[in-house]
N, C-alpha and C. Protein backbone atom coordinates (compact mmCIF):
# COMPACT_ATOMS: atom_id res chain seq x y z
N MET A 1 -88.63 18.39 -113.13
CA MET A 1 -87.64 17.79 -114.27
C MET A 1 -87.12 16.63 -114.17
N THR A 2 -87.00 15.96 -115.21
CA THR A 2 -86.45 14.37 -114.96
C THR A 2 -85.13 14.27 -115.51
N THR A 3 -84.28 13.79 -115.04
CA THR A 3 -82.90 13.79 -115.63
C THR A 3 -82.83 12.30 -116.63
N ALA A 4 -81.56 12.55 -117.49
CA ALA A 4 -81.60 11.24 -118.40
C ALA A 4 -81.75 10.04 -118.07
N ASN A 5 -81.15 9.87 -116.64
CA ASN A 5 -81.32 8.68 -116.12
C ASN A 5 -82.61 8.46 -115.12
N GLY A 6 -83.40 9.15 -115.18
CA GLY A 6 -84.70 8.74 -114.68
C GLY A 6 -84.92 9.46 -113.28
N TRP A 7 -84.00 9.98 -112.61
CA TRP A 7 -84.23 10.77 -111.62
C TRP A 7 -84.88 12.22 -111.72
N THR A 8 -86.17 12.22 -110.64
CA THR A 8 -86.60 13.63 -110.78
C THR A 8 -85.89 14.57 -109.80
N ASP A 9 -86.01 15.91 -109.84
CA ASP A 9 -85.46 16.91 -108.57
C ASP A 9 -86.24 16.54 -107.83
N GLU A 10 -87.54 16.24 -107.60
CA GLU A 10 -88.55 15.88 -106.31
C GLU A 10 -87.69 14.71 -105.67
N LEU A 11 -87.57 13.60 -106.26
CA LEU A 11 -86.96 12.44 -105.46
C LEU A 11 -85.60 12.69 -105.08
N LEU A 12 -84.81 13.51 -106.04
CA LEU A 12 -83.26 13.86 -105.45
C LEU A 12 -83.61 14.74 -104.15
N ASP A 13 -84.45 15.86 -104.06
CA ASP A 13 -84.59 16.55 -102.96
C ASP A 13 -84.97 15.96 -101.92
N ARG A 14 -85.87 15.04 -102.00
CA ARG A 14 -86.31 13.90 -100.74
C ARG A 14 -85.11 13.11 -100.27
N MET A 15 -84.37 12.68 -101.12
CA MET A 15 -83.25 11.97 -100.71
C MET A 15 -81.92 12.89 -99.91
N ARG A 16 -82.00 14.10 -100.32
CA ARG A 16 -80.91 14.92 -99.75
C ARG A 16 -81.44 15.03 -98.20
N ALA A 17 -82.89 15.18 -98.20
CA ALA A 17 -83.23 15.18 -96.69
C ALA A 17 -83.22 13.97 -95.66
N THR A 18 -82.81 12.75 -96.49
CA THR A 18 -82.89 11.61 -95.62
C THR A 18 -81.54 11.28 -95.10
N GLY A 19 -81.55 11.22 -93.84
CA GLY A 19 -80.20 10.77 -93.06
C GLY A 19 -80.01 9.37 -92.93
N ASP A 20 -78.79 9.16 -92.50
CA ASP A 20 -78.61 7.74 -92.27
C ASP A 20 -78.10 7.51 -90.86
N PRO A 21 -79.11 6.81 -90.26
CA PRO A 21 -78.86 6.83 -88.61
C PRO A 21 -77.52 5.99 -88.19
N LEU A 22 -77.34 4.82 -88.85
CA LEU A 22 -76.36 4.11 -88.43
C LEU A 22 -74.99 4.72 -88.53
N GLY A 23 -74.98 5.40 -89.88
CA GLY A 23 -73.42 6.29 -90.05
C GLY A 23 -73.53 7.20 -89.15
N ASP A 24 -74.44 8.14 -89.01
CA ASP A 24 -74.40 9.16 -87.89
C ASP A 24 -74.07 8.93 -86.68
N ALA A 25 -74.49 7.81 -86.14
CA ALA A 25 -74.20 7.08 -84.73
C ALA A 25 -72.68 6.71 -84.90
N ALA A 26 -72.17 6.14 -85.95
CA ALA A 26 -70.97 5.91 -86.02
C ALA A 26 -69.73 7.10 -85.83
N ILE A 27 -70.22 8.15 -86.79
CA ILE A 27 -69.69 9.26 -86.90
C ILE A 27 -69.45 9.78 -85.32
N ALA A 28 -70.48 10.02 -84.61
CA ALA A 28 -70.87 10.64 -83.45
C ALA A 28 -69.90 9.94 -82.45
N GLU A 29 -69.99 8.82 -82.51
CA GLU A 29 -69.28 7.78 -81.57
C GLU A 29 -67.51 8.09 -81.96
N THR A 30 -67.30 8.12 -83.15
CA THR A 30 -65.65 8.34 -83.30
C THR A 30 -65.45 9.63 -82.92
N TYR A 31 -66.29 10.64 -83.02
CA TYR A 31 -65.73 11.89 -82.22
C TYR A 31 -65.58 11.81 -80.88
N ALA A 32 -66.70 11.08 -80.10
CA ALA A 32 -66.88 11.17 -78.58
C ALA A 32 -65.77 10.62 -78.23
N LEU A 33 -65.27 9.47 -78.78
CA LEU A 33 -64.01 8.70 -78.31
C LEU A 33 -62.58 9.29 -78.75
N GLY A 34 -62.60 10.74 -79.57
CA GLY A 34 -61.78 11.25 -80.08
C GLY A 34 -60.72 10.55 -81.16
N GLN A 35 -61.51 9.50 -81.75
CA GLN A 35 -60.49 8.74 -82.77
C GLN A 35 -60.78 9.15 -84.22
N GLN A 36 -61.39 10.34 -84.50
CA GLN A 36 -61.21 10.69 -85.82
C GLN A 36 -60.16 10.80 -86.53
N GLU A 37 -58.85 10.89 -85.92
CA GLU A 37 -57.66 10.93 -86.54
C GLU A 37 -57.53 9.64 -87.13
N GLN A 38 -57.52 8.37 -86.19
CA GLN A 38 -57.37 7.23 -86.35
C GLN A 38 -58.23 6.54 -87.43
N VAL A 39 -59.42 7.01 -87.48
CA VAL A 39 -60.20 6.81 -88.63
C VAL A 39 -59.91 7.28 -90.18
N ARG A 40 -59.29 8.83 -90.04
CA ARG A 40 -59.10 9.27 -91.13
C ARG A 40 -57.64 8.73 -91.97
N LYS A 41 -56.94 8.14 -90.71
CA LYS A 41 -55.58 7.54 -91.24
C LYS A 41 -55.95 6.20 -92.20
N ALA A 42 -56.82 5.48 -91.41
CA ALA A 42 -57.47 3.98 -92.00
C ALA A 42 -58.09 4.38 -93.54
N LEU A 43 -58.80 5.34 -93.67
CA LEU A 43 -59.49 5.51 -94.82
C LEU A 43 -58.71 6.08 -96.13
N LEU A 44 -57.47 6.60 -95.62
CA LEU A 44 -56.52 7.07 -96.49
C LEU A 44 -56.09 5.94 -97.20
N GLY A 45 -56.30 4.64 -96.79
CA GLY A 45 -55.67 3.62 -97.48
C GLY A 45 -56.52 2.78 -98.38
N PHE A 46 -57.58 3.10 -98.06
CA PHE A 46 -58.62 2.60 -99.09
C PHE A 46 -58.57 2.87 -100.63
N GLY A 47 -58.51 1.62 -101.20
CA GLY A 47 -58.14 1.91 -102.88
C GLY A 47 -56.90 2.12 -103.33
N ARG A 48 -56.18 2.22 -102.45
CA ARG A 48 -54.65 2.09 -102.75
C ARG A 48 -53.87 0.70 -102.81
N SER A 49 -53.14 0.53 -103.95
CA SER A 49 -52.57 -0.59 -104.10
C SER A 49 -51.57 -0.95 -103.26
N PRO A 50 -51.00 -1.96 -102.65
CA PRO A 50 -50.02 -1.81 -101.70
C PRO A 50 -48.68 -2.07 -102.41
N GLY A 51 -48.88 -2.34 -103.78
CA GLY A 51 -47.53 -2.45 -104.49
C GLY A 51 -47.82 -3.81 -105.17
N PRO A 52 -46.52 -4.04 -106.14
CA PRO A 52 -46.43 -5.27 -106.91
C PRO A 52 -46.81 -6.51 -105.94
N THR A 53 -47.42 -7.45 -106.60
CA THR A 53 -47.45 -8.74 -106.07
C THR A 53 -47.15 -9.95 -106.96
N ARG A 54 -46.57 -10.88 -106.46
CA ARG A 54 -46.36 -12.01 -107.23
C ARG A 54 -47.39 -12.74 -107.73
N SER A 55 -47.46 -13.21 -108.75
CA SER A 55 -48.59 -13.90 -109.27
C SER A 55 -48.12 -15.45 -108.80
N ALA A 56 -49.26 -16.37 -108.68
CA ALA A 56 -49.13 -17.72 -108.38
C ALA A 56 -48.26 -18.44 -109.52
N GLY A 57 -47.62 -19.25 -108.97
CA GLY A 57 -46.79 -19.96 -109.97
C GLY A 57 -45.32 -18.98 -110.29
N SER A 58 -45.17 -17.89 -109.98
CA SER A 58 -43.76 -17.38 -110.13
C SER A 58 -43.08 -17.11 -109.00
N GLY A 59 -41.81 -17.05 -109.10
CA GLY A 59 -40.66 -17.13 -108.08
C GLY A 59 -40.30 -18.42 -107.64
């Protein structure tokens, strides 16, 4: 079956079985060093606005 965007079930199944060696190694190292809490805290800040900023020329 092909989805509306052209992705077939076969292709999606193959992609689900594909790993990410660099990502897997980074996660393994994070846990080996016991730094998962530091990483979790750092990731929590992504996508959040730090608050209002002053535009150029104001103030």
